[in-house]
N, C-alpha and C. Protein backbone atom coordinates (compact mmCIF):
# COMPACT_ATOMS: atom_id res chain seq x y z
N MET A 1 43.71 -4.39 -9.78
CA MET A 1 42.65 -3.46 -9.38
C MET A 1 41.49 -4.21 -8.75
N GLY A 2 41.11 -5.37 -9.37
CA GLY A 2 40.01 -6.16 -8.85
C GLY A 2 40.28 -6.61 -7.43
N ALA A 3 41.54 -7.03 -7.15
CA ALA A 3 41.89 -7.50 -5.82
C ALA A 3 41.77 -6.39 -4.80
N ILE A 4 42.20 -5.17 -5.19
CA ILE A 4 42.13 -4.03 -4.28
C ILE A 4 40.68 -3.71 -3.94
N VAL A 5 39.83 -3.75 -4.97
CA VAL A 5 38.42 -3.46 -4.75
C VAL A 5 37.81 -4.49 -3.82
N CYS A 6 38.17 -5.76 -4.02
CA CYS A 6 37.64 -6.82 -3.17
C CYS A 6 38.08 -6.63 -1.73
N LEU A 7 39.34 -6.27 -1.54
CA LEU A 7 39.84 -6.04 -0.19
C LEU A 7 39.11 -4.89 0.46
N ALA A 8 38.80 -3.88 -0.32
CA ALA A 8 38.08 -2.72 0.21
C ALA A 8 36.69 -3.13 0.66
N PHE A 9 36.03 -3.91 -0.14
CA PHE A 9 34.70 -4.38 0.24
C PHE A 9 34.78 -5.28 1.46
N ALA A 10 35.78 -6.13 1.52
CA ALA A 10 35.94 -7.04 2.65
C ALA A 10 36.17 -6.26 3.94
N ALA A 11 36.99 -5.23 3.85
CA ALA A 11 37.27 -4.41 5.02
C ALA A 11 36.02 -3.67 5.47
N LEU A 12 35.29 -3.20 4.52
CA LEU A 12 34.05 -2.49 4.83
C LEU A 12 33.06 -3.42 5.51
N ALA A 13 32.93 -4.64 4.97
CA ALA A 13 31.99 -5.60 5.53
C ALA A 13 32.39 -6.03 6.93
N ALA A 14 33.72 -6.12 7.17
CA ALA A 14 34.20 -6.55 8.48
C ALA A 14 34.19 -5.44 9.50
N GLY A 15 33.94 -4.22 9.06
CA GLY A 15 33.91 -3.09 9.98
C GLY A 15 35.25 -2.46 10.22
N ILE A 16 36.28 -2.91 9.47
CA ILE A 16 37.61 -2.34 9.64
C ILE A 16 37.64 -0.90 9.16
N ILE A 17 36.94 -0.65 8.05
CA ILE A 17 36.86 0.70 7.51
C ILE A 17 35.45 1.22 7.73
N PRO A 18 35.27 2.27 8.52
CA PRO A 18 33.93 2.83 8.74
C PRO A 18 33.31 3.28 7.44
N VAL A 19 32.01 3.10 7.34
CA VAL A 19 31.31 3.49 6.13
C VAL A 19 31.44 4.96 5.84
N ASP A 20 31.38 5.80 6.89
CA ASP A 20 31.40 7.24 6.67
C ASP A 20 32.75 7.77 6.24
N GLU A 21 33.77 6.90 6.21
CA GLU A 21 35.09 7.33 5.76
C GLU A 21 35.34 6.98 4.31
N ILE A 22 34.35 6.34 3.69
CA ILE A 22 34.50 5.96 2.28
C ILE A 22 33.48 6.70 1.46
N SER A 23 33.94 7.45 0.50
CA SER A 23 33.02 8.16 -0.38
C SER A 23 32.66 7.27 -1.54
N ASN A 24 31.58 7.60 -2.21
CA ASN A 24 31.13 6.79 -3.35
C ASN A 24 32.17 6.74 -4.46
N SER A 25 33.02 7.74 -4.53
CA SER A 25 34.01 7.80 -5.61
C SER A 25 35.10 6.77 -5.44
N HIS A 26 35.24 6.20 -4.22
CA HIS A 26 36.31 5.25 -3.99
C HIS A 26 35.96 3.84 -4.44
N LEU A 27 34.69 3.56 -4.57
CA LEU A 27 34.28 2.21 -4.91
C LEU A 27 33.38 2.21 -6.14
N PRO A 28 33.39 1.14 -6.91
CA PRO A 28 32.52 1.06 -8.08
C PRO A 28 31.08 0.91 -7.66
N THR A 29 30.17 1.25 -8.54
CA THR A 29 28.75 1.15 -8.23
C THR A 29 28.29 -0.29 -8.19
N ARG A 30 29.00 -1.19 -8.81
CA ARG A 30 28.62 -2.60 -8.82
C ARG A 30 29.76 -3.45 -8.28
N MET A 31 29.47 -4.31 -7.34
CA MET A 31 30.49 -5.16 -6.75
C MET A 31 30.89 -6.26 -7.74
N PRO A 32 32.21 -6.43 -8.01
CA PRO A 32 32.64 -7.49 -8.93
C PRO A 32 32.18 -8.85 -8.42
N ALA A 33 31.86 -9.75 -9.36
CA ALA A 33 31.36 -11.07 -8.99
C ALA A 33 32.33 -11.82 -8.11
N VAL A 34 33.65 -11.65 -8.37
CA VAL A 34 34.64 -12.35 -7.58
C VAL A 34 34.59 -11.92 -6.13
N CYS A 35 34.19 -10.67 -5.87
CA CYS A 35 34.08 -10.18 -4.50
C CYS A 35 32.98 -10.91 -3.75
N LEU A 36 31.89 -11.20 -4.43
CA LEU A 36 30.80 -11.91 -3.78
C LEU A 36 31.27 -13.28 -3.32
N THR A 37 32.10 -13.93 -4.14
CA THR A 37 32.63 -15.24 -3.78
C THR A 37 33.51 -15.14 -2.55
N TYR A 38 34.36 -14.11 -2.54
CA TYR A 38 35.27 -13.93 -1.42
C TYR A 38 34.51 -13.57 -0.15
N LEU A 39 33.60 -12.61 -0.26
CA LEU A 39 32.88 -12.13 0.92
C LEU A 39 31.96 -13.18 1.49
N SER A 40 31.48 -14.10 0.63
CA SER A 40 30.59 -15.15 1.15
C SER A 40 31.32 -16.04 2.14
N LYS A 41 32.66 -16.06 2.08
CA LYS A 41 33.45 -16.86 3.01
C LYS A 41 33.93 -16.03 4.19
N SER A 42 34.12 -14.71 3.97
CA SER A 42 34.72 -13.89 5.01
C SER A 42 33.72 -13.14 5.87
N SER A 43 32.51 -12.90 5.36
CA SER A 43 31.54 -12.13 6.12
C SER A 43 30.15 -12.68 5.92
N PRO A 44 29.46 -13.10 7.00
CA PRO A 44 28.13 -13.68 6.86
C PRO A 44 27.06 -12.66 6.52
N SER A 45 27.34 -11.38 6.73
CA SER A 45 26.30 -10.38 6.50
C SER A 45 26.12 -10.05 5.03
N VAL A 46 27.21 -10.05 4.27
CA VAL A 46 27.14 -9.67 2.87
C VAL A 46 26.40 -10.68 2.01
N PRO A 47 26.67 -12.00 2.17
CA PRO A 47 25.97 -12.96 1.34
C PRO A 47 24.45 -12.85 1.47
N MET A 48 23.98 -12.49 2.67
CA MET A 48 22.55 -12.36 2.86
C MET A 48 22.00 -11.29 1.94
N ARG A 49 22.73 -10.16 1.83
CA ARG A 49 22.28 -9.09 0.95
C ARG A 49 22.38 -9.51 -0.51
N ALA A 50 23.45 -10.22 -0.83
CA ALA A 50 23.62 -10.67 -2.20
C ALA A 50 22.52 -11.64 -2.58
N THR A 51 22.20 -12.56 -1.65
CA THR A 51 21.14 -13.53 -1.91
C THR A 51 19.80 -12.84 -2.08
N THR A 52 19.55 -11.83 -1.24
CA THR A 52 18.30 -11.10 -1.34
C THR A 52 18.17 -10.44 -2.70
N PHE A 53 19.28 -9.84 -3.18
CA PHE A 53 19.25 -9.17 -4.48
C PHE A 53 19.00 -10.19 -5.58
N GLN A 54 19.69 -11.32 -5.51
CA GLN A 54 19.53 -12.33 -6.54
C GLN A 54 18.12 -12.92 -6.53
N SER A 55 17.58 -13.13 -5.32
CA SER A 55 16.23 -13.66 -5.23
C SER A 55 15.24 -12.68 -5.81
N GLY A 56 15.47 -11.39 -5.51
CA GLY A 56 14.58 -10.36 -6.04
C GLY A 56 14.63 -10.33 -7.55
N LYS A 57 15.81 -10.53 -8.12
CA LYS A 57 15.96 -10.52 -9.57
C LYS A 57 15.24 -11.70 -10.18
N LYS A 58 15.40 -12.87 -9.56
CA LYS A 58 14.72 -14.07 -10.05
C LYS A 58 13.22 -13.90 -9.94
N GLN A 59 12.78 -13.28 -8.83
CA GLN A 59 11.35 -13.08 -8.64
C GLN A 59 10.81 -12.16 -9.71
N ALA A 60 11.58 -11.10 -10.05
CA ALA A 60 11.14 -10.17 -11.08
C ALA A 60 11.04 -10.87 -12.43
N GLN A 61 12.02 -11.73 -12.71
CA GLN A 61 11.99 -12.47 -13.96
C GLN A 61 10.80 -13.42 -14.00
N LYS A 62 10.52 -14.03 -12.83
CA LYS A 62 9.40 -14.96 -12.77
C LYS A 62 8.09 -14.23 -13.02
N GLN A 63 7.95 -13.02 -12.48
CA GLN A 63 6.73 -12.27 -12.63
C GLN A 63 6.57 -11.70 -14.04
N ALA A 64 7.66 -11.71 -14.81
CA ALA A 64 7.59 -11.17 -16.17
C ALA A 64 6.80 -12.09 -17.09
N SER A 65 6.62 -13.36 -16.70
CA SER A 65 5.88 -14.30 -17.52
C SER A 65 4.39 -14.18 -17.24
N TRP A 66 3.59 -14.75 -18.14
CA TRP A 66 2.13 -14.69 -17.96
C TRP A 66 1.68 -15.76 -16.99
N PRO A 67 0.65 -15.49 -16.17
CA PRO A 67 0.00 -14.18 -16.02
C PRO A 67 0.64 -13.35 -14.92
N GLN A 68 0.40 -12.05 -14.94
CA GLN A 68 0.89 -11.15 -13.91
C GLN A 68 -0.27 -10.66 -13.06
N TYR A 69 0.01 -10.39 -11.81
CA TYR A 69 -1.03 -9.89 -10.92
C TYR A 69 -1.27 -8.41 -11.21
N ASP A 70 -2.54 -8.03 -11.31
CA ASP A 70 -2.92 -6.64 -11.57
C ASP A 70 -3.96 -6.24 -10.53
N SER A 71 -3.55 -5.40 -9.59
CA SER A 71 -4.45 -5.02 -8.50
C SER A 71 -5.63 -4.17 -8.98
N ASP A 72 -5.51 -3.61 -10.19
CA ASP A 72 -6.60 -2.78 -10.73
C ASP A 72 -7.64 -3.60 -11.48
N SER A 73 -7.38 -4.87 -11.66
CA SER A 73 -8.31 -5.72 -12.40
C SER A 73 -9.21 -6.49 -11.44
N ASP A 74 -10.46 -6.68 -11.85
CA ASP A 74 -11.38 -7.49 -11.05
C ASP A 74 -11.04 -8.97 -11.16
N LEU A 75 -10.34 -9.32 -12.24
CA LEU A 75 -9.95 -10.71 -12.47
C LEU A 75 -8.51 -10.95 -12.03
N TRP A 76 -8.30 -12.01 -11.27
CA TRP A 76 -6.93 -12.39 -10.92
C TRP A 76 -6.64 -13.78 -11.52
N GLN A 77 -5.39 -13.97 -11.92
CA GLN A 77 -4.97 -15.22 -12.57
C GLN A 77 -3.56 -15.59 -12.11
N TYR A 78 -3.33 -16.87 -11.95
CA TYR A 78 -2.01 -17.37 -11.55
C TYR A 78 -1.77 -18.74 -12.18
N CYS A 79 -0.51 -19.07 -12.38
CA CYS A 79 -0.11 -20.41 -12.80
C CYS A 79 0.98 -20.88 -11.86
N VAL A 80 0.84 -22.07 -11.33
CA VAL A 80 1.85 -22.63 -10.41
C VAL A 80 2.18 -24.05 -10.84
N PRO A 81 3.34 -24.56 -10.46
CA PRO A 81 3.69 -25.95 -10.79
C PRO A 81 2.64 -26.92 -10.27
N TYR A 82 2.42 -27.99 -11.00
CA TYR A 82 1.39 -28.95 -10.64
C TYR A 82 1.70 -29.66 -9.32
N ASN A 83 0.66 -29.82 -8.54
CA ASN A 83 0.71 -30.59 -7.30
C ASN A 83 -0.60 -31.35 -7.24
N LYS A 84 -0.55 -32.65 -7.09
CA LYS A 84 -1.79 -33.44 -7.08
C LYS A 84 -2.69 -33.06 -5.90
N ASP A 85 -2.07 -32.47 -4.87
CA ASP A 85 -2.85 -31.96 -3.73
C ASP A 85 -3.14 -30.49 -4.02
N ILE A 86 -4.32 -30.20 -4.56
CA ILE A 86 -4.66 -28.84 -4.97
C ILE A 86 -4.67 -27.89 -3.78
N GLN A 87 -5.10 -28.36 -2.62
CA GLN A 87 -5.13 -27.51 -1.43
C GLN A 87 -3.72 -27.06 -1.06
N LYS A 88 -2.76 -27.96 -1.14
CA LYS A 88 -1.38 -27.59 -0.83
C LYS A 88 -0.86 -26.58 -1.83
N ALA A 89 -1.22 -26.77 -3.10
CA ALA A 89 -0.80 -25.83 -4.13
C ALA A 89 -1.41 -24.46 -3.86
N LEU A 90 -2.66 -24.44 -3.47
CA LEU A 90 -3.34 -23.18 -3.16
C LEU A 90 -2.71 -22.50 -1.95
N ASP A 91 -2.47 -23.26 -0.91
CA ASP A 91 -1.86 -22.70 0.31
C ASP A 91 -0.48 -22.12 0.02
N SER A 92 0.29 -22.84 -0.78
CA SER A 92 1.64 -22.38 -1.12
C SER A 92 1.58 -21.09 -1.93
N LEU A 93 0.64 -21.01 -2.87
CA LEU A 93 0.50 -19.81 -3.69
C LEU A 93 0.08 -18.62 -2.83
N ARG A 94 -0.83 -18.84 -1.92
CA ARG A 94 -1.29 -17.75 -1.04
C ARG A 94 -0.13 -17.22 -0.20
N ARG A 95 0.69 -18.13 0.33
CA ARG A 95 1.85 -17.70 1.12
C ARG A 95 2.82 -16.90 0.25
N ARG A 96 3.06 -17.39 -0.95
CA ARG A 96 4.00 -16.71 -1.86
C ARG A 96 3.54 -15.30 -2.16
N GLU A 97 2.26 -15.14 -2.50
CA GLU A 97 1.76 -13.83 -2.87
C GLU A 97 1.67 -12.90 -1.67
N PHE A 98 1.39 -13.44 -0.50
CA PHE A 98 1.36 -12.61 0.71
C PHE A 98 2.75 -12.09 1.03
N GLU A 99 3.74 -12.98 0.99
CA GLU A 99 5.11 -12.58 1.31
C GLU A 99 5.67 -11.61 0.28
N ALA A 100 5.17 -11.70 -0.97
CA ALA A 100 5.63 -10.79 -2.02
C ALA A 100 4.88 -9.46 -1.98
N GLY A 101 3.81 -9.39 -1.20
CA GLY A 101 3.05 -8.15 -1.09
C GLY A 101 2.22 -7.83 -2.31
N ARG A 102 1.82 -8.86 -3.05
CA ARG A 102 1.02 -8.64 -4.25
C ARG A 102 -0.47 -8.81 -3.93
N PHE A 103 -1.03 -7.80 -3.29
CA PHE A 103 -2.45 -7.81 -2.96
C PHE A 103 -2.89 -6.40 -2.59
N TYR A 104 -4.18 -6.19 -2.57
CA TYR A 104 -4.78 -4.87 -2.30
C TYR A 104 -4.44 -4.40 -0.89
N LEU A 105 -4.00 -3.15 -0.78
CA LEU A 105 -3.63 -2.52 0.48
C LEU A 105 -2.46 -3.22 1.18
N SER A 106 -1.55 -3.76 0.39
CA SER A 106 -0.36 -4.39 0.99
C SER A 106 0.51 -3.35 1.70
N LYS A 107 0.31 -2.07 1.34
CA LYS A 107 1.09 -0.99 1.96
C LYS A 107 0.83 -0.89 3.46
N LYS A 108 -0.25 -1.46 3.92
CA LYS A 108 -0.54 -1.46 5.36
C LYS A 108 0.31 -2.48 6.11
N ARG A 109 1.03 -3.29 5.37
CA ARG A 109 1.95 -4.28 5.93
C ARG A 109 1.31 -5.18 7.00
N PRO A 110 0.28 -5.90 6.63
CA PRO A 110 -0.34 -6.82 7.59
C PRO A 110 0.62 -7.95 7.95
N LYS A 111 0.45 -8.48 9.14
CA LYS A 111 1.34 -9.55 9.60
C LYS A 111 0.83 -10.94 9.21
N THR A 112 -0.45 -11.03 8.90
CA THR A 112 -1.02 -12.32 8.53
C THR A 112 -1.97 -12.14 7.34
N ILE A 113 -2.31 -13.24 6.70
CA ILE A 113 -3.25 -13.20 5.59
C ILE A 113 -4.62 -12.76 6.07
N ASP A 114 -5.03 -13.25 7.25
CA ASP A 114 -6.32 -12.85 7.80
C ASP A 114 -6.39 -11.35 8.01
N GLU A 115 -5.30 -10.79 8.49
CA GLU A 115 -5.25 -9.34 8.71
C GLU A 115 -5.33 -8.60 7.38
N ALA A 116 -4.67 -9.14 6.37
CA ALA A 116 -4.71 -8.52 5.03
C ALA A 116 -6.14 -8.51 4.49
N ILE A 117 -6.85 -9.59 4.70
CA ILE A 117 -8.24 -9.69 4.23
C ILE A 117 -9.12 -8.68 4.96
N LYS A 118 -8.92 -8.54 6.27
CA LYS A 118 -9.70 -7.59 7.06
C LYS A 118 -9.40 -6.15 6.65
N ASN A 119 -8.16 -5.88 6.31
CA ASN A 119 -7.78 -4.51 5.91
C ASN A 119 -8.54 -4.07 4.67
N GLY A 120 -8.83 -5.02 3.79
CA GLY A 120 -9.52 -4.69 2.54
C GLY A 120 -11.01 -4.51 2.71
N ASP A 121 -11.52 -4.82 3.91
CA ASP A 121 -12.95 -4.69 4.19
C ASP A 121 -13.76 -5.48 3.16
N ALA A 122 -14.73 -4.86 2.51
CA ALA A 122 -15.60 -5.56 1.57
C ALA A 122 -14.86 -6.02 0.32
N SER A 123 -13.74 -5.35 0.00
CA SER A 123 -12.96 -5.72 -1.19
C SER A 123 -11.99 -6.85 -0.92
N ALA A 124 -11.78 -7.16 0.37
CA ALA A 124 -10.79 -8.17 0.77
C ALA A 124 -9.43 -7.82 0.17
N THR A 125 -8.72 -8.80 -0.42
CA THR A 125 -7.38 -8.52 -0.94
C THR A 125 -7.32 -8.42 -2.46
N ARG A 126 -8.44 -8.70 -3.12
CA ARG A 126 -8.50 -8.67 -4.58
C ARG A 126 -7.42 -9.58 -5.18
N SER A 127 -7.24 -10.73 -4.58
CA SER A 127 -6.20 -11.65 -5.02
C SER A 127 -6.53 -13.07 -4.58
N ILE A 128 -5.62 -13.98 -4.86
CA ILE A 128 -5.77 -15.38 -4.48
C ILE A 128 -5.83 -15.55 -2.96
N LEU A 129 -5.38 -14.56 -2.22
CA LEU A 129 -5.42 -14.65 -0.76
C LEU A 129 -6.84 -14.83 -0.25
N ASP A 130 -7.82 -14.38 -1.03
CA ASP A 130 -9.22 -14.48 -0.60
C ASP A 130 -9.78 -15.90 -0.74
N MET A 131 -9.05 -16.76 -1.44
CA MET A 131 -9.50 -18.14 -1.62
C MET A 131 -8.88 -19.01 -0.53
N GLU A 132 -9.72 -19.55 0.33
CA GLU A 132 -9.23 -20.29 1.49
C GLU A 132 -9.22 -21.80 1.32
N THR A 133 -10.03 -22.29 0.42
CA THR A 133 -10.14 -23.75 0.33
C THR A 133 -10.50 -24.20 -1.08
N VAL A 134 -10.43 -25.51 -1.29
CA VAL A 134 -10.81 -26.13 -2.55
C VAL A 134 -12.17 -26.78 -2.35
N SER A 135 -13.08 -26.53 -3.27
CA SER A 135 -14.44 -27.05 -3.15
C SER A 135 -14.83 -27.85 -4.39
N ARG A 136 -15.72 -28.81 -4.21
CA ARG A 136 -16.20 -29.59 -5.35
C ARG A 136 -17.22 -28.81 -6.17
N THR A 137 -17.81 -27.81 -5.54
CA THR A 137 -18.78 -26.97 -6.23
C THR A 137 -18.40 -25.50 -6.03
N LYS A 138 -18.98 -24.63 -6.82
CA LYS A 138 -18.70 -23.20 -6.70
C LYS A 138 -19.13 -22.70 -5.33
N ASP A 139 -18.25 -21.92 -4.71
CA ASP A 139 -18.55 -21.42 -3.38
C ASP A 139 -17.72 -20.18 -3.11
N MET A 140 -18.17 -19.37 -2.16
CA MET A 140 -17.44 -18.16 -1.79
C MET A 140 -16.12 -18.54 -1.13
N ASN A 141 -15.09 -17.76 -1.44
CA ASN A 141 -13.76 -17.96 -0.85
C ASN A 141 -13.20 -19.35 -1.13
N ALA A 142 -13.60 -19.92 -2.26
CA ALA A 142 -13.12 -21.26 -2.61
C ALA A 142 -12.88 -21.37 -4.11
N VAL A 143 -11.99 -22.27 -4.47
CA VAL A 143 -11.75 -22.56 -5.89
C VAL A 143 -12.32 -23.93 -6.20
N SER A 144 -12.90 -24.07 -7.36
CA SER A 144 -13.45 -25.35 -7.80
C SER A 144 -12.97 -25.65 -9.21
N GLN A 145 -12.91 -26.93 -9.54
CA GLN A 145 -12.34 -27.34 -10.83
C GLN A 145 -13.33 -27.13 -11.97
N VAL A 146 -12.80 -26.68 -13.10
CA VAL A 146 -13.62 -26.52 -14.29
C VAL A 146 -13.96 -27.91 -14.83
N PRO A 147 -15.23 -28.21 -15.08
CA PRO A 147 -15.62 -29.53 -15.59
C PRO A 147 -14.95 -29.85 -16.93
N ALA A 148 -14.65 -31.11 -17.13
CA ALA A 148 -13.97 -31.56 -18.35
C ALA A 148 -14.76 -31.19 -19.61
N LYS A 149 -16.09 -31.28 -19.54
CA LYS A 149 -16.90 -30.97 -20.72
C LYS A 149 -16.79 -29.50 -21.12
N ARG A 150 -16.58 -28.61 -20.14
CA ARG A 150 -16.41 -27.19 -20.45
C ARG A 150 -15.05 -26.95 -21.10
N LEU A 151 -14.06 -27.71 -20.67
CA LEU A 151 -12.73 -27.58 -21.27
C LEU A 151 -12.75 -28.07 -22.71
N ARG A 152 -13.43 -29.18 -22.94
CA ARG A 152 -13.50 -29.71 -24.31
C ARG A 152 -14.24 -28.75 -25.24
N ALA A 153 -15.26 -28.09 -24.71
CA ALA A 153 -16.02 -27.14 -25.52
C ALA A 153 -15.17 -25.93 -25.90
N LEU A 154 -14.27 -25.55 -25.01
CA LEU A 154 -13.46 -24.35 -25.25
C LEU A 154 -12.15 -24.66 -25.95
N PHE A 155 -11.47 -25.73 -25.52
CA PHE A 155 -10.13 -26.03 -26.06
C PHE A 155 -10.10 -27.28 -26.94
N HIS A 156 -11.22 -27.94 -27.09
CA HIS A 156 -11.31 -29.18 -27.87
C HIS A 156 -10.48 -30.30 -27.26
N THR A 157 -10.22 -30.17 -25.98
CA THR A 157 -9.52 -31.20 -25.21
C THR A 157 -9.77 -30.92 -23.74
N ASP A 158 -9.75 -31.98 -22.93
CA ASP A 158 -9.89 -31.77 -21.50
C ASP A 158 -8.51 -31.71 -20.82
N LYS A 159 -7.47 -31.66 -21.66
CA LYS A 159 -6.10 -31.53 -21.15
C LYS A 159 -5.40 -30.36 -21.84
N PRO A 160 -5.87 -29.14 -21.61
CA PRO A 160 -5.28 -27.97 -22.27
C PRO A 160 -3.85 -27.71 -21.81
N THR A 161 -3.08 -27.09 -22.67
CA THR A 161 -1.71 -26.71 -22.32
C THR A 161 -1.71 -25.29 -21.77
N HIS A 162 -0.60 -24.92 -21.18
CA HIS A 162 -0.44 -23.55 -20.68
C HIS A 162 -0.63 -22.57 -21.83
N ALA A 163 -0.05 -22.89 -22.98
CA ALA A 163 -0.11 -21.98 -24.13
C ALA A 163 -1.55 -21.76 -24.59
N MET A 164 -2.37 -22.79 -24.53
CA MET A 164 -3.77 -22.65 -24.95
C MET A 164 -4.50 -21.62 -24.09
N ILE A 165 -4.31 -21.72 -22.78
CA ILE A 165 -5.00 -20.79 -21.87
C ILE A 165 -4.40 -19.39 -22.00
N GLU A 166 -3.09 -19.32 -22.09
CA GLU A 166 -2.43 -18.01 -22.22
C GLU A 166 -2.88 -17.30 -23.49
N ASN A 167 -2.90 -18.01 -24.60
CA ASN A 167 -3.31 -17.40 -25.87
C ASN A 167 -4.76 -16.95 -25.82
N ALA A 168 -5.63 -17.77 -25.22
CA ALA A 168 -7.04 -17.40 -25.10
C ALA A 168 -7.21 -16.16 -24.26
N SER A 169 -6.40 -16.06 -23.20
CA SER A 169 -6.49 -14.90 -22.31
C SER A 169 -5.98 -13.64 -22.99
N LYS A 170 -4.82 -13.74 -23.64
CA LYS A 170 -4.23 -12.56 -24.27
C LYS A 170 -5.05 -12.06 -25.46
N LYS A 171 -5.72 -12.98 -26.14
CA LYS A 171 -6.52 -12.60 -27.30
C LYS A 171 -7.93 -12.16 -26.92
N GLY A 172 -8.22 -12.21 -25.62
CA GLY A 172 -9.55 -11.82 -25.18
C GLY A 172 -10.63 -12.75 -25.67
N SER A 173 -10.34 -14.05 -25.68
CA SER A 173 -11.29 -15.05 -26.17
C SER A 173 -12.64 -14.92 -25.47
N SER A 174 -13.70 -14.82 -26.26
CA SER A 174 -15.04 -14.72 -25.69
C SER A 174 -15.41 -16.02 -24.98
N GLY A 175 -14.88 -17.14 -25.50
CA GLY A 175 -15.15 -18.42 -24.88
C GLY A 175 -14.58 -18.50 -23.48
N LEU A 176 -13.33 -18.04 -23.32
CA LEU A 176 -12.71 -18.05 -22.00
C LEU A 176 -13.42 -17.07 -21.08
N GLN A 177 -13.78 -15.91 -21.61
CA GLN A 177 -14.48 -14.92 -20.81
C GLN A 177 -15.81 -15.47 -20.29
N GLN A 178 -16.53 -16.15 -21.17
CA GLN A 178 -17.81 -16.74 -20.76
C GLN A 178 -17.60 -17.81 -19.69
N LEU A 179 -16.52 -18.58 -19.84
CA LEU A 179 -16.22 -19.61 -18.85
C LEU A 179 -15.94 -18.96 -17.50
N LEU A 180 -15.09 -17.94 -17.49
CA LEU A 180 -14.74 -17.27 -16.24
C LEU A 180 -15.96 -16.66 -15.57
N GLU A 181 -16.87 -16.15 -16.38
CA GLU A 181 -18.05 -15.47 -15.83
C GLU A 181 -19.08 -16.44 -15.27
N GLU A 182 -18.83 -17.73 -15.42
CA GLU A 182 -19.71 -18.72 -14.78
C GLU A 182 -19.45 -18.77 -13.28
N TRP A 183 -18.34 -18.18 -12.87
CA TRP A 183 -18.01 -18.06 -11.45
C TRP A 183 -18.29 -16.62 -11.03
N GLY A 184 -18.87 -16.45 -9.86
CA GLY A 184 -19.24 -15.12 -9.41
C GLY A 184 -18.15 -14.44 -8.60
N LYS A 185 -18.47 -13.24 -8.09
CA LYS A 185 -17.52 -12.48 -7.28
C LYS A 185 -17.19 -13.27 -6.00
N GLY A 186 -15.90 -13.25 -5.67
CA GLY A 186 -15.48 -13.96 -4.47
C GLY A 186 -15.35 -15.46 -4.66
N GLU A 187 -15.43 -15.91 -5.94
CA GLU A 187 -15.29 -17.33 -6.24
C GLU A 187 -14.11 -17.53 -7.19
N GLY A 188 -13.52 -18.71 -7.15
CA GLY A 188 -12.38 -18.99 -8.02
C GLY A 188 -12.48 -20.35 -8.69
N LEU A 189 -11.71 -20.53 -9.73
CA LEU A 189 -11.68 -21.80 -10.46
C LEU A 189 -10.24 -22.25 -10.65
N TYR A 190 -10.08 -23.50 -11.02
CA TYR A 190 -8.75 -23.96 -11.39
C TYR A 190 -8.83 -24.95 -12.53
N ILE A 191 -7.77 -24.95 -13.33
CA ILE A 191 -7.64 -25.86 -14.48
C ILE A 191 -6.25 -26.48 -14.41
N ILE A 192 -6.16 -27.78 -14.57
CA ILE A 192 -4.86 -28.45 -14.62
C ILE A 192 -4.39 -28.41 -16.06
N THR A 193 -3.22 -27.83 -16.29
CA THR A 193 -2.67 -27.78 -17.64
C THR A 193 -1.70 -28.94 -17.84
N TYR A 194 -1.50 -29.30 -19.12
CA TYR A 194 -0.69 -30.47 -19.44
C TYR A 194 0.46 -30.13 -20.39
N SER A 195 1.50 -30.92 -20.30
CA SER A 195 2.63 -30.80 -21.20
C SER A 195 3.11 -32.23 -21.50
N GLY A 196 3.13 -32.59 -22.77
CA GLY A 196 3.52 -33.95 -23.12
C GLY A 196 2.57 -34.99 -22.58
N GLY A 197 1.31 -34.61 -22.40
CA GLY A 197 0.31 -35.55 -21.90
C GLY A 197 0.31 -35.74 -20.40
N LYS A 198 1.17 -35.00 -19.69
CA LYS A 198 1.26 -35.14 -18.23
C LYS A 198 0.91 -33.82 -17.56
N PRO A 199 0.33 -33.87 -16.35
CA PRO A 199 0.01 -32.64 -15.63
C PRO A 199 1.25 -31.78 -15.45
N SER A 200 1.13 -30.50 -15.74
CA SER A 200 2.27 -29.60 -15.70
C SER A 200 2.09 -28.46 -14.71
N GLU A 201 0.94 -27.80 -14.78
CA GLU A 201 0.68 -26.64 -13.93
C GLU A 201 -0.77 -26.63 -13.46
N ILE A 202 -1.04 -25.72 -12.56
CA ILE A 202 -2.41 -25.45 -12.15
C ILE A 202 -2.68 -23.97 -12.41
N TYR A 203 -3.71 -23.73 -13.19
CA TYR A 203 -4.11 -22.36 -13.50
C TYR A 203 -5.25 -21.98 -12.56
N PHE A 204 -5.03 -20.93 -11.75
CA PHE A 204 -6.06 -20.44 -10.85
C PHE A 204 -6.57 -19.12 -11.39
N ALA A 205 -7.87 -18.89 -11.31
CA ALA A 205 -8.44 -17.61 -11.74
C ALA A 205 -9.71 -17.36 -10.94
N GLY A 206 -10.09 -16.10 -10.83
CA GLY A 206 -11.31 -15.79 -10.11
C GLY A 206 -11.58 -14.30 -10.10
N TRP A 207 -12.66 -13.95 -9.43
CA TRP A 207 -13.11 -12.56 -9.41
C TRP A 207 -13.03 -11.96 -8.01
N SER A 208 -12.63 -10.70 -7.97
CA SER A 208 -12.59 -9.98 -6.71
C SER A 208 -14.01 -9.70 -6.24
N PHE A 209 -14.14 -9.43 -4.97
CA PHE A 209 -15.45 -9.10 -4.40
C PHE A 209 -15.94 -7.76 -4.94
């Protein structure tokens, strides 16, 4: 039965069997895994769809972890793998979020980040897209590093872990809230998190306009 189903899918993908001649009752709602393996060799169009589905699933799983983007919140937060070049990490995150459509008024389908920012007018994108550069001091449309002394005051270490920041955020820590509020609207901050004593991630956070 599996072989027959695979052949049916292969014929459909190759255009041998017109789509309008096959009713939903003839094929299962889910393509068997073995068919994906076969079709990836026989038809270049199907693997693209399969890859898109798998990527979407992985993306959904990735977004299930903390933190998640919330367009209704004035505060935005992200965690990305550590990169010693903070600007590159920021640029990569902005591209990722733009391509995923996780920003204010993404339904307008802007073609560029600049266009997305303009669409939001005074509110901009309410996301990391509004942060264009890394600054040594607090500035509009820029992220700046949280001083080590502020980290020690809040986490009792200047090398906090992901779990420390996540727990403080989820518990509504007044200390973390006060730290975040030291940055104004349209400004962002970043903290390098550690695992095993080594840099692990970069935590970005900031306020919408």
